[in-house]
ModelCIF file with pLDDT and N, C-alpha, C, O atoms, coordinates in Angstrom:
data_MODEL
#
_entry.id   MODEL 
#
_entity.id                         1 
_entity.type                       polymer 
_entity.pdbx_number_of_molecules   1 
#
_entity_poly.entity_id                      1 
_entity_poly.type                           'polypeptide(L)' 
_entity_poly.nstd_linkage                   no 
_entity_poly.nstd_monomer                   no 
_entity_poly.pdbx_seq_one_letter_code       
;(UNK)(UNK)(UNK)(UNK)(UNK)(UNK)(UNK)(UNK)(UNK)(UNK)(UNK)(UNK)(UNK)(UNK)(UNK)(UNK)
(UNK)(UNK)(UNK)(UNK)(UNK)(UNK)(UNK)(UNK)(UNK)(UNK)(UNK)(UNK)(UNK)(UNK)(UNK)(UNK)
(UNK)(UNK)(UNK)(UNK)(UNK)(UNK)(UNK)(UNK)(UNK)(UNK)(UNK)(UNK)(UNK)(UNK)(UNK)(UNK)
;
_entity_poly.pdbx_seq_one_letter_code_can   XXXXXXXXXXXXXXXXXXXXXXXXXXXXXXXXXXXXXXXXXXXXXXXX 
_entity_poly.pdbx_strand_id                 A 
#
loop_
_entity_poly_seq.entity_id 
_entity_poly_seq.num 
_entity_poly_seq.mon_id 
_entity_poly_seq.hetero 
1 1  UNK n 
1 2  UNK n 
1 3  UNK n 
1 4  UNK n 
1 5  UNK n 
1 6  UNK n 
1 7  UNK n 
1 8  UNK n 
1 9  UNK n 
1 10 UNK n 
1 11 UNK n 
1 12 UNK n 
1 13 UNK n 
1 14 UNK n 
1 15 UNK n 
1 16 UNK n 
1 17 UNK n 
1 18 UNK n 
1 19 UNK n 
1 20 UNK n 
1 21 UNK n 
1 22 UNK n 
1 23 UNK n 
1 24 UNK n 
1 25 UNK n 
1 26 UNK n 
1 27 UNK n 
1 28 UNK n 
1 29 UNK n 
1 30 UNK n 
1 31 UNK n 
1 32 UNK n 
1 33 UNK n 
1 34 UNK n 
1 35 UNK n 
1 36 UNK n 
1 37 UNK n 
1 38 UNK n 
1 39 UNK n 
1 40 UNK n 
1 41 UNK n 
1 42 UNK n 
1 43 UNK n 
1 44 UNK n 
1 45 UNK n 
1 46 UNK n 
1 47 UNK n 
1 48 UNK n 
#
_struct_asym.id          A 
_struct_asym.entity_id   1 
#
loop_
_ma_qa_metric.id 
_ma_qa_metric.mode 
_ma_qa_metric.name 
_ma_qa_metric.software_group_id 
_ma_qa_metric.type 
1 global pLDDT . pLDDT 
2 local  pLDDT . pLDDT 
#
_ma_qa_metric_global.metric_id      1 
_ma_qa_metric_global.metric_value   94.83 
_ma_qa_metric_global.model_id       1 
_ma_qa_metric_global.ordinal_id     1 
#
loop_
_ma_qa_metric_local.label_asym_id 
_ma_qa_metric_local.label_comp_id 
_ma_qa_metric_local.label_seq_id 
_ma_qa_metric_local.metric_id 
_ma_qa_metric_local.metric_value 
_ma_qa_metric_local.model_id 
_ma_qa_metric_local.ordinal_id 
A UNK 1  2 97.00 1 1  
A UNK 2  2 97.00 1 2  
A UNK 3  2 98.00 1 3  
A UNK 4  2 98.00 1 4  
A UNK 5  2 98.00 1 5  
A UNK 6  2 98.00 1 6  
A UNK 7  2 98.00 1 7  
A UNK 8  2 98.00 1 8  
A UNK 9  2 98.00 1 9  
A UNK 10 2 98.00 1 10 
A UNK 11 2 97.00 1 11 
A UNK 12 2 97.00 1 12 
A UNK 13 2 95.00 1 13 
A UNK 14 2 96.00 1 14 
A UNK 15 2 97.00 1 15 
A UNK 16 2 98.00 1 16 
A UNK 17 2 98.00 1 17 
A UNK 18 2 98.00 1 18 
A UNK 19 2 98.00 1 19 
A UNK 20 2 98.00 1 20 
A UNK 21 2 98.00 1 21 
A UNK 22 2 98.00 1 22 
A UNK 23 2 98.00 1 23 
A UNK 24 2 98.00 1 24 
A UNK 25 2 98.00 1 25 
A UNK 26 2 98.00 1 26 
A UNK 27 2 97.00 1 27 
A UNK 28 2 97.00 1 28 
A UNK 29 2 98.00 1 29 
A UNK 30 2 98.00 1 30 
A UNK 31 2 98.00 1 31 
A UNK 32 2 98.00 1 32 
A UNK 33 2 98.00 1 33 
A UNK 34 2 98.00 1 34 
A UNK 35 2 98.00 1 35 
A UNK 36 2 98.00 1 36 
A UNK 37 2 97.00 1 37 
A UNK 38 2 95.00 1 38 
A UNK 39 2 92.00 1 39 
A UNK 40 2 83.00 1 40 
A UNK 41 2 80.00 1 41 
A UNK 42 2 81.00 1 42 
A UNK 43 2 72.00 1 43 
A UNK 44 2 80.00 1 44 
A UNK 45 2 87.00 1 45 
A UNK 46 2 89.00 1 46 
A UNK 47 2 89.00 1 47 
A UNK 48 2 91.00 1 48 
#
loop_
_atom_site.group_PDB 
_atom_site.id 
_atom_site.type_symbol 
_atom_site.label_atom_id 
_atom_site.label_alt_id 
_atom_site.label_comp_id 
_atom_site.label_asym_id 
_atom_site.label_entity_id 
_atom_site.label_seq_id 
_atom_site.pdbx_PDB_ins_code 
_atom_site.Cartn_x 
_atom_site.Cartn_y 
_atom_site.Cartn_z 
_atom_site.occupancy 
_atom_site.B_iso_or_equiv 
_atom_site.pdbx_formal_charge 
_atom_site.auth_seq_id 
_atom_site.auth_comp_id 
_atom_site.auth_asym_id 
_atom_site.auth_atom_id 
_atom_site.pdbx_PDB_model_num 
ATOM 1   N N  . UNK A 1 1  ? 6.524  11.799 9.056   1.00 97.00 ? 1  UNK A N  1 
ATOM 2   C CA . UNK A 1 1  ? 5.750  10.781 9.655   1.00 97.00 ? 1  UNK A CA 1 
ATOM 3   C C  . UNK A 1 1  ? 4.279  11.375 9.963   1.00 97.00 ? 1  UNK A C  1 
ATOM 4   O O  . UNK A 1 1  ? 3.293  10.641 9.912   1.00 97.00 ? 1  UNK A O  1 
ATOM 5   N N  . UNK A 1 2  ? 4.197  12.625 10.255  1.00 97.00 ? 2  UNK A N  1 
ATOM 6   C CA . UNK A 1 2  ? 2.934  13.190 10.603  1.00 97.00 ? 2  UNK A CA 1 
ATOM 7   C C  . UNK A 1 2  ? 1.934  13.328 9.514   1.00 97.00 ? 2  UNK A C  1 
ATOM 8   O O  . UNK A 1 2  ? 0.762  13.620 9.754   1.00 97.00 ? 2  UNK A O  1 
ATOM 9   N N  . UNK A 1 3  ? 2.452  13.090 8.154   1.00 98.00 ? 3  UNK A N  1 
ATOM 10  C CA . UNK A 1 3  ? 1.523  13.294 7.031   1.00 98.00 ? 3  UNK A CA 1 
ATOM 11  C C  . UNK A 1 3  ? 1.480  12.026 6.262   1.00 98.00 ? 3  UNK A C  1 
ATOM 12  O O  . UNK A 1 3  ? 0.664  11.932 5.345   1.00 98.00 ? 3  UNK A O  1 
ATOM 13  N N  . UNK A 1 4  ? 2.333  10.971 6.562   1.00 98.00 ? 4  UNK A N  1 
ATOM 14  C CA . UNK A 1 4  ? 2.411  9.835  5.899   1.00 98.00 ? 4  UNK A CA 1 
ATOM 15  C C  . UNK A 1 4  ? 1.087  9.053  5.794   1.00 98.00 ? 4  UNK A C  1 
ATOM 16  O O  . UNK A 1 4  ? 0.468  8.803  6.828   1.00 98.00 ? 4  UNK A O  1 
ATOM 17  N N  . UNK A 1 5  ? 0.626  8.658  4.601   1.00 98.00 ? 5  UNK A N  1 
ATOM 18  C CA . UNK A 1 5  ? -0.669 8.056  4.463   1.00 98.00 ? 5  UNK A CA 1 
ATOM 19  C C  . UNK A 1 5  ? -1.873 9.028  4.230   1.00 98.00 ? 5  UNK A C  1 
ATOM 20  O O  . UNK A 1 5  ? -2.997 8.611  3.954   1.00 98.00 ? 5  UNK A O  1 
ATOM 21  N N  . UNK A 1 6  ? -1.574 10.291 4.352   1.00 98.00 ? 6  UNK A N  1 
ATOM 22  C CA . UNK A 1 6  ? -2.660 11.310 4.241   1.00 98.00 ? 6  UNK A CA 1 
ATOM 23  C C  . UNK A 1 6  ? -2.248 12.244 3.078   1.00 98.00 ? 6  UNK A C  1 
ATOM 24  O O  . UNK A 1 6  ? -3.135 12.683 2.346   1.00 98.00 ? 6  UNK A O  1 
ATOM 25  N N  . UNK A 1 7  ? -1.016 12.558 2.876   1.00 98.00 ? 7  UNK A N  1 
ATOM 26  C CA . UNK A 1 7  ? -0.621 13.481 1.858   1.00 98.00 ? 7  UNK A CA 1 
ATOM 27  C C  . UNK A 1 7  ? 0.119  12.768 0.809   1.00 98.00 ? 7  UNK A C  1 
ATOM 28  O O  . UNK A 1 7  ? 0.743  11.738 1.060   1.00 98.00 ? 7  UNK A O  1 
ATOM 29  N N  . UNK A 1 8  ? 0.061  13.311 -0.403  1.00 98.00 ? 8  UNK A N  1 
ATOM 30  C CA . UNK A 1 8  ? 0.675  12.726 -1.598  1.00 98.00 ? 8  UNK A CA 1 
ATOM 31  C C  . UNK A 1 8  ? 1.358  13.846 -2.425  1.00 98.00 ? 8  UNK A C  1 
ATOM 32  O O  . UNK A 1 8  ? 0.681  14.774 -2.867  1.00 98.00 ? 8  UNK A O  1 
ATOM 33  N N  . UNK A 1 9  ? 2.692  13.766 -2.639  1.00 98.00 ? 9  UNK A N  1 
ATOM 34  C CA . UNK A 1 9  ? 3.343  14.690 -3.460  1.00 98.00 ? 9  UNK A CA 1 
ATOM 35  C C  . UNK A 1 9  ? 3.533  14.022 -4.840  1.00 98.00 ? 9  UNK A C  1 
ATOM 36  O O  . UNK A 1 9  ? 3.797  12.829 -4.991  1.00 98.00 ? 9  UNK A O  1 
ATOM 37  N N  . UNK A 1 10 ? 3.362  14.954 -5.862  1.00 98.00 ? 10 UNK A N  1 
ATOM 38  C CA . UNK A 1 10 ? 3.675  14.563 -7.269  1.00 98.00 ? 10 UNK A CA 1 
ATOM 39  C C  . UNK A 1 10 ? 4.098  15.663 -8.108  1.00 98.00 ? 10 UNK A C  1 
ATOM 40  O O  . UNK A 1 10 ? 4.011  16.814 -7.682  1.00 98.00 ? 10 UNK A O  1 
ATOM 41  N N  . UNK A 1 11 ? 4.540  15.418 -9.242  1.00 97.00 ? 11 UNK A N  1 
ATOM 42  C CA . UNK A 1 11 ? 5.113  16.425 -10.116 1.00 97.00 ? 11 UNK A CA 1 
ATOM 43  C C  . UNK A 1 11 ? 4.830  16.185 -11.548 1.00 97.00 ? 11 UNK A C  1 
ATOM 44  O O  . UNK A 1 11 ? 4.726  15.032 -11.966 1.00 97.00 ? 11 UNK A O  1 
ATOM 45  N N  . UNK A 1 12 ? 4.702  17.202 -12.315 1.00 97.00 ? 12 UNK A N  1 
ATOM 46  C CA . UNK A 1 12 ? 4.459  17.138 -13.734 1.00 97.00 ? 12 UNK A CA 1 
ATOM 47  C C  . UNK A 1 12 ? 5.624  17.996 -14.449 1.00 97.00 ? 12 UNK A C  1 
ATOM 48  O O  . UNK A 1 12 ? 5.549  19.212 -14.629 1.00 97.00 ? 12 UNK A O  1 
ATOM 49  N N  . UNK A 1 13 ? 6.632  17.243 -14.801 1.00 95.00 ? 13 UNK A N  1 
ATOM 50  C CA . UNK A 1 13 ? 7.799  18.002 -15.423 1.00 95.00 ? 13 UNK A CA 1 
ATOM 51  C C  . UNK A 1 13 ? 7.468  18.830 -16.733 1.00 95.00 ? 13 UNK A C  1 
ATOM 52  O O  . UNK A 1 13 ? 8.138  19.796 -17.097 1.00 95.00 ? 13 UNK A O  1 
ATOM 53  N N  . UNK A 1 14 ? 6.341  18.332 -17.410 1.00 96.00 ? 14 UNK A N  1 
ATOM 54  C CA . UNK A 1 14 ? 6.006  19.049 -18.628 1.00 96.00 ? 14 UNK A CA 1 
ATOM 55  C C  . UNK A 1 14 ? 5.301  20.275 -18.369 1.00 96.00 ? 14 UNK A C  1 
ATOM 56  O O  . UNK A 1 14 ? 5.213  21.150 -19.229 1.00 96.00 ? 14 UNK A O  1 
ATOM 57  N N  . UNK A 1 15 ? 4.752  20.388 -17.129 1.00 97.00 ? 15 UNK A N  1 
ATOM 58  C CA . UNK A 1 15 ? 4.023  21.647 -16.738 1.00 97.00 ? 15 UNK A CA 1 
ATOM 59  C C  . UNK A 1 15 ? 4.838  22.441 -15.728 1.00 97.00 ? 15 UNK A C  1 
ATOM 60  O O  . UNK A 1 15 ? 4.364  23.507 -15.333 1.00 97.00 ? 15 UNK A O  1 
ATOM 61  N N  . UNK A 1 16 ? 6.051  22.017 -15.259 1.00 98.00 ? 16 UNK A N  1 
ATOM 62  C CA . UNK A 1 16 ? 6.879  22.682 -14.358 1.00 98.00 ? 16 UNK A CA 1 
ATOM 63  C C  . UNK A 1 16 ? 6.056  22.880 -13.037 1.00 98.00 ? 16 UNK A C  1 
ATOM 64  O O  . UNK A 1 16 ? 6.066  23.960 -12.447 1.00 98.00 ? 16 UNK A O  1 
ATOM 65  N N  . UNK A 1 17 ? 5.380  21.855 -12.618 1.00 98.00 ? 17 UNK A N  1 
ATOM 66  C CA . UNK A 1 17 ? 4.545  22.019 -11.423 1.00 98.00 ? 17 UNK A CA 1 
ATOM 67  C C  . UNK A 1 17 ? 4.745  20.870 -10.558 1.00 98.00 ? 17 UNK A C  1 
ATOM 68  O O  . UNK A 1 17 ? 4.993  19.747 -10.997 1.00 98.00 ? 17 UNK A O  1 
ATOM 69  N N  . UNK A 1 18 ? 4.631  21.171 -9.259  1.00 98.00 ? 18 UNK A N  1 
ATOM 70  C CA . UNK A 1 18 ? 4.611  20.141 -8.153  1.00 98.00 ? 18 UNK A CA 1 
ATOM 71  C C  . UNK A 1 18 ? 3.381  20.259 -7.459  1.00 98.00 ? 18 UNK A C  1 
ATOM 72  O O  . UNK A 1 18 ? 2.887  21.380 -7.341  1.00 98.00 ? 18 UNK A O  1 
ATOM 73  N N  . UNK A 1 19 ? 2.726  19.111 -6.909  1.00 98.00 ? 19 UNK A N  1 
ATOM 74  C CA . UNK A 1 19 ? 1.486  19.171 -6.283  1.00 98.00 ? 19 UNK A CA 1 
ATOM 75  C C  . UNK A 1 19 ? 1.589  18.512 -4.852  1.00 98.00 ? 19 UNK A C  1 
ATOM 76  O O  . UNK A 1 19 ? 2.479  17.710 -4.568  1.00 98.00 ? 19 UNK A O  1 
ATOM 77  N N  . UNK A 1 20 ? 0.673  18.889 -4.037  1.00 98.00 ? 20 UNK A N  1 
ATOM 78  C CA . UNK A 1 20 ? 0.618  18.270 -2.698  1.00 98.00 ? 20 UNK A CA 1 
ATOM 79  C C  . UNK A 1 20 ? -0.896 18.037 -2.487  1.00 98.00 ? 20 UNK A C  1 
ATOM 80  O O  . UNK A 1 20 ? -1.666 18.957 -2.211  1.00 98.00 ? 20 UNK A O  1 
ATOM 81  N N  . UNK A 1 21 ? -1.279 16.724 -2.638  1.00 98.00 ? 21 UNK A N  1 
ATOM 82  C CA . UNK A 1 21 ? -2.597 16.351 -2.315  1.00 98.00 ? 21 UNK A CA 1 
ATOM 83  C C  . UNK A 1 21 ? -2.727 16.096 -0.837  1.00 98.00 ? 21 UNK A C  1 
ATOM 84  O O  . UNK A 1 21 ? -1.961 15.276 -0.331  1.00 98.00 ? 21 UNK A O  1 
ATOM 85  N N  . UNK A 1 22 ? -3.633 16.726 -0.080  1.00 98.00 ? 22 UNK A N  1 
ATOM 86  C CA . UNK A 1 22 ? -3.797 16.587 1.298   1.00 98.00 ? 22 UNK A CA 1 
ATOM 87  C C  . UNK A 1 22 ? -5.143 16.082 1.575   1.00 98.00 ? 22 UNK A C  1 
ATOM 88  O O  . UNK A 1 22 ? -6.150 16.726 1.282   1.00 98.00 ? 22 UNK A O  1 
ATOM 89  N N  . UNK A 1 23 ? -5.169 14.867 2.171   1.00 98.00 ? 23 UNK A N  1 
ATOM 90  C CA . UNK A 1 23 ? -6.504 14.248 2.501   1.00 98.00 ? 23 UNK A CA 1 
ATOM 91  C C  . UNK A 1 23 ? -6.583 14.134 4.059   1.00 98.00 ? 23 UNK A C  1 
ATOM 92  O O  . UNK A 1 23 ? -5.571 14.230 4.754   1.00 98.00 ? 23 UNK A O  1 
ATOM 93  N N  . UNK A 1 24 ? -7.767 13.936 4.547   1.00 98.00 ? 24 UNK A N  1 
ATOM 94  C CA . UNK A 1 24 ? -7.939 13.779 5.996   1.00 98.00 ? 24 UNK A CA 1 
ATOM 95  C C  . UNK A 1 24 ? -7.299 14.815 6.782   1.00 98.00 ? 24 UNK A C  1 
ATOM 96  O O  . UNK A 1 24 ? -6.593 14.516 7.745   1.00 98.00 ? 24 UNK A O  1 
ATOM 97  N N  . UNK A 1 25 ? -7.511 16.061 6.418   1.00 98.00 ? 25 UNK A N  1 
ATOM 98  C CA . UNK A 1 25 ? -6.832 17.097 7.124   1.00 98.00 ? 25 UNK A CA 1 
ATOM 99  C C  . UNK A 1 25 ? -7.149 17.236 8.565   1.00 98.00 ? 25 UNK A C  1 
ATOM 100 O O  . UNK A 1 25 ? -8.276 16.928 8.954   1.00 98.00 ? 25 UNK A O  1 
ATOM 101 N N  . UNK A 1 26 ? -6.225 17.687 9.416   1.00 98.00 ? 26 UNK A N  1 
ATOM 102 C CA . UNK A 1 26 ? -6.461 17.905 10.801  1.00 98.00 ? 26 UNK A CA 1 
ATOM 103 C C  . UNK A 1 26 ? -6.125 19.220 11.150  1.00 98.00 ? 26 UNK A C  1 
ATOM 104 O O  . UNK A 1 26 ? -5.421 19.898 10.401  1.00 98.00 ? 26 UNK A O  1 
ATOM 105 N N  . UNK A 1 27 ? -6.592 19.680 12.294  1.00 97.00 ? 27 UNK A N  1 
ATOM 106 C CA . UNK A 1 27 ? -6.301 21.090 12.790  1.00 97.00 ? 27 UNK A CA 1 
ATOM 107 C C  . UNK A 1 27 ? -4.838 21.302 12.912  1.00 97.00 ? 27 UNK A C  1 
ATOM 108 O O  . UNK A 1 27 ? -4.381 22.415 12.653  1.00 97.00 ? 27 UNK A O  1 
ATOM 109 N N  . UNK A 1 28 ? -4.069 20.336 13.282  1.00 97.00 ? 28 UNK A N  1 
ATOM 110 C CA . UNK A 1 28 ? -2.610 20.377 13.494  1.00 97.00 ? 28 UNK A CA 1 
ATOM 111 C C  . UNK A 1 28 ? -1.912 20.579 12.071  1.00 97.00 ? 28 UNK A C  1 
ATOM 112 O O  . UNK A 1 28 ? -0.724 20.899 12.021  1.00 97.00 ? 28 UNK A O  1 
ATOM 113 N N  . UNK A 1 29 ? -2.628 20.399 10.979  1.00 98.00 ? 29 UNK A N  1 
ATOM 114 C CA . UNK A 1 29 ? -2.009 20.719 9.642   1.00 98.00 ? 29 UNK A CA 1 
ATOM 115 C C  . UNK A 1 29 ? -2.118 22.188 9.358   1.00 98.00 ? 29 UNK A C  1 
ATOM 116 O O  . UNK A 1 29 ? -1.582 22.606 8.332   1.00 98.00 ? 29 UNK A O  1 
ATOM 117 N N  . UNK A 1 30 ? -2.751 23.017 10.150  1.00 98.00 ? 30 UNK A N  1 
ATOM 118 C CA . UNK A 1 30 ? -2.805 24.398 9.922   1.00 98.00 ? 30 UNK A CA 1 
ATOM 119 C C  . UNK A 1 30 ? -1.413 24.973 9.932   1.00 98.00 ? 30 UNK A C  1 
ATOM 120 O O  . UNK A 1 30 ? -0.643 24.772 10.871  1.00 98.00 ? 30 UNK A O  1 
ATOM 121 N N  . UNK A 1 31 ? -1.079 25.741 8.799   1.00 98.00 ? 31 UNK A N  1 
ATOM 122 C CA . UNK A 1 31 ? 0.284  26.342 8.571   1.00 98.00 ? 31 UNK A CA 1 
ATOM 123 C C  . UNK A 1 31 ? 0.289  27.016 7.235   1.00 98.00 ? 31 UNK A C  1 
ATOM 124 O O  . UNK A 1 31 ? -0.568 26.891 6.360   1.00 98.00 ? 31 UNK A O  1 
ATOM 125 N N  . UNK A 1 32 ? 1.392  27.761 7.196   1.00 98.00 ? 32 UNK A N  1 
ATOM 126 C CA . UNK A 1 32 ? 1.630  28.268 5.778   1.00 98.00 ? 32 UNK A CA 1 
ATOM 127 C C  . UNK A 1 32 ? 2.596  27.196 5.162   1.00 98.00 ? 32 UNK A C  1 
ATOM 128 O O  . UNK A 1 32 ? 3.600  26.767 5.731   1.00 98.00 ? 32 UNK A O  1 
ATOM 129 N N  . UNK A 1 33 ? 2.154  26.826 3.928   1.00 98.00 ? 33 UNK A N  1 
ATOM 130 C CA . UNK A 1 33 ? 2.863  25.763 3.246   1.00 98.00 ? 33 UNK A CA 1 
ATOM 131 C C  . UNK A 1 33 ? 3.717  26.424 2.115   1.00 98.00 ? 33 UNK A C  1 
ATOM 132 O O  . UNK A 1 33 ? 3.243  27.293 1.384   1.00 98.00 ? 33 UNK A O  1 
ATOM 133 N N  . UNK A 1 34 ? 4.976  25.977 2.012   1.00 98.00 ? 34 UNK A N  1 
ATOM 134 C CA . UNK A 1 34 ? 5.990  26.493 1.086   1.00 98.00 ? 34 UNK A CA 1 
ATOM 135 C C  . UNK A 1 34 ? 6.446  25.306 0.191   1.00 98.00 ? 34 UNK A C  1 
ATOM 136 O O  . UNK A 1 34 ? 6.621  24.178 0.652   1.00 98.00 ? 34 UNK A O  1 
ATOM 137 N N  . UNK A 1 35 ? 6.628  25.631 -1.127  1.00 98.00 ? 35 UNK A N  1 
ATOM 138 C CA . UNK A 1 35 ? 7.265  24.744 -1.975  1.00 98.00 ? 35 UNK A CA 1 
ATOM 139 C C  . UNK A 1 35 ? 8.737  25.184 -2.118  1.00 98.00 ? 35 UNK A C  1 
ATOM 140 O O  . UNK A 1 35 ? 9.031  26.363 -1.918  1.00 98.00 ? 35 UNK A O  1 
ATOM 141 N N  . UNK A 1 36 ? 9.632  24.311 -2.445  1.00 98.00 ? 36 UNK A N  1 
ATOM 142 C CA . UNK A 1 36 ? 11.047 24.704 -2.605  1.00 98.00 ? 36 UNK A CA 1 
ATOM 143 C C  . UNK A 1 36 ? 11.604 23.816 -3.669  1.00 98.00 ? 36 UNK A C  1 
ATOM 144 O O  . UNK A 1 36 ? 11.060 22.763 -4.000  1.00 98.00 ? 36 UNK A O  1 
ATOM 145 N N  . UNK A 1 37 ? 12.825 24.325 -4.250  1.00 97.00 ? 37 UNK A N  1 
ATOM 146 C CA . UNK A 1 37 ? 13.491 23.643 -5.301  1.00 97.00 ? 37 UNK A CA 1 
ATOM 147 C C  . UNK A 1 37 ? 14.890 23.383 -4.866  1.00 97.00 ? 37 UNK A C  1 
ATOM 148 O O  . UNK A 1 37 ? 15.541 24.282 -4.334  1.00 97.00 ? 37 UNK A O  1 
ATOM 149 N N  . UNK A 1 38 ? 15.383 22.198 -5.065  1.00 95.00 ? 38 UNK A N  1 
ATOM 150 C CA . UNK A 1 38 ? 16.767 21.776 -4.686  1.00 95.00 ? 38 UNK A CA 1 
ATOM 151 C C  . UNK A 1 38 ? 17.433 21.140 -5.832  1.00 95.00 ? 38 UNK A C  1 
ATOM 152 O O  . UNK A 1 38 ? 17.056 20.013 -6.154  1.00 95.00 ? 38 UNK A O  1 
ATOM 153 N N  . UNK A 1 39 ? 18.502 21.792 -6.576  1.00 92.00 ? 39 UNK A N  1 
ATOM 154 C CA . UNK A 1 39 ? 19.101 21.220 -7.603  1.00 92.00 ? 39 UNK A CA 1 
ATOM 155 C C  . UNK A 1 39 ? 19.780 19.933 -7.254  1.00 92.00 ? 39 UNK A C  1 
ATOM 156 O O  . UNK A 1 39 ? 20.419 19.880 -6.203  1.00 92.00 ? 39 UNK A O  1 
ATOM 157 N N  . UNK A 1 40 ? 19.700 18.902 -8.033  1.00 83.00 ? 40 UNK A N  1 
ATOM 158 C CA . UNK A 1 40 ? 20.324 17.654 -7.869  1.00 83.00 ? 40 UNK A CA 1 
ATOM 159 C C  . UNK A 1 40 ? 20.951 17.086 -9.078  1.00 83.00 ? 40 UNK A C  1 
ATOM 160 O O  . UNK A 1 40 ? 20.456 17.316 -10.181 1.00 83.00 ? 40 UNK A O  1 
ATOM 161 N N  . UNK A 1 41 ? 22.030 16.346 -8.939  1.00 80.00 ? 41 UNK A N  1 
ATOM 162 C CA . UNK A 1 41 ? 22.783 15.959 -10.159 1.00 80.00 ? 41 UNK A CA 1 
ATOM 163 C C  . UNK A 1 41 ? 22.349 14.386 -10.559 1.00 80.00 ? 41 UNK A C  1 
ATOM 164 O O  . UNK A 1 41 ? 22.995 13.729 -11.376 1.00 80.00 ? 41 UNK A O  1 
ATOM 165 N N  . UNK A 1 42 ? 21.337 13.956 -9.966  1.00 81.00 ? 42 UNK A N  1 
ATOM 166 C CA . UNK A 1 42 ? 20.917 12.670 -10.376 1.00 81.00 ? 42 UNK A CA 1 
ATOM 167 C C  . UNK A 1 42 ? 19.434 12.573 -10.380 1.00 81.00 ? 42 UNK A C  1 
ATOM 168 O O  . UNK A 1 42 ? 18.828 13.236 -9.538  1.00 81.00 ? 42 UNK A O  1 
ATOM 169 N N  . UNK A 1 43 ? 18.776 11.841 -11.209 1.00 72.00 ? 43 UNK A N  1 
ATOM 170 C CA . UNK A 1 43 ? 17.369 11.679 -11.287 1.00 72.00 ? 43 UNK A CA 1 
ATOM 171 C C  . UNK A 1 43 ? 16.636 11.217 -10.045 1.00 72.00 ? 43 UNK A C  1 
ATOM 172 O O  . UNK A 1 43 ? 15.457 11.488 -9.816  1.00 72.00 ? 43 UNK A O  1 
ATOM 173 N N  . UNK A 1 44 ? 17.464 10.460 -9.221  1.00 80.00 ? 44 UNK A N  1 
ATOM 174 C CA . UNK A 1 44 ? 17.001 9.871  -7.969  1.00 80.00 ? 44 UNK A CA 1 
ATOM 175 C C  . UNK A 1 44 ? 17.149 10.789 -6.764  1.00 80.00 ? 44 UNK A C  1 
ATOM 176 O O  . UNK A 1 44 ? 16.731 10.463 -5.653  1.00 80.00 ? 44 UNK A O  1 
ATOM 177 N N  . UNK A 1 45 ? 17.782 11.996 -7.024  1.00 87.00 ? 45 UNK A N  1 
ATOM 178 C CA . UNK A 1 45 ? 18.063 12.806 -5.889  1.00 87.00 ? 45 UNK A CA 1 
ATOM 179 C C  . UNK A 1 45 ? 16.862 13.457 -5.293  1.00 87.00 ? 45 UNK A C  1 
ATOM 180 O O  . UNK A 1 45 ? 15.939 13.887 -5.985  1.00 87.00 ? 45 UNK A O  1 
ATOM 181 N N  . UNK A 1 46 ? 16.898 13.525 -3.893  1.00 89.00 ? 46 UNK A N  1 
ATOM 182 C CA . UNK A 1 46 ? 15.870 14.268 -3.267  1.00 89.00 ? 46 UNK A CA 1 
ATOM 183 C C  . UNK A 1 46 ? 16.431 14.713 -1.905  1.00 89.00 ? 46 UNK A C  1 
ATOM 184 O O  . UNK A 1 46 ? 17.528 14.296 -1.535  1.00 89.00 ? 46 UNK A O  1 
ATOM 185 N N  . UNK A 1 47 ? 15.728 15.520 -1.183  1.00 89.00 ? 47 UNK A N  1 
ATOM 186 C CA . UNK A 1 47 ? 16.278 15.894 0.215   1.00 89.00 ? 47 UNK A CA 1 
ATOM 187 C C  . UNK A 1 47 ? 15.099 16.274 1.057   1.00 89.00 ? 47 UNK A C  1 
ATOM 188 O O  . UNK A 1 47 ? 14.089 16.767 0.557   1.00 89.00 ? 47 UNK A O  1 
ATOM 189 N N  . UNK A 1 48 ? 15.233 16.043 2.331   1.00 91.00 ? 48 UNK A N  1 
ATOM 190 C CA . UNK A 1 48 ? 14.241 16.403 3.313   1.00 91.00 ? 48 UNK A CA 1 
ATOM 191 C C  . UNK A 1 48 ? 14.838 17.487 4.236   1.00 91.00 ? 48 UNK A C  1 
ATOM 192 O O  . UNK A 1 48 ? 14.167 17.951 5.158   1.00 91.00 ? 48 UNK A O  1 
#
């Protein structure tokens, strides 16, 4: 909820890359940002 409407996640499977576009950044967004991979058995699979 804290980033909804400001951040956009996307991926390019051809480039094996995931992106995080961060707009309207706030001081409270200060942090170390980590990406992570989670195996799933369906194309629609995701996890928070």
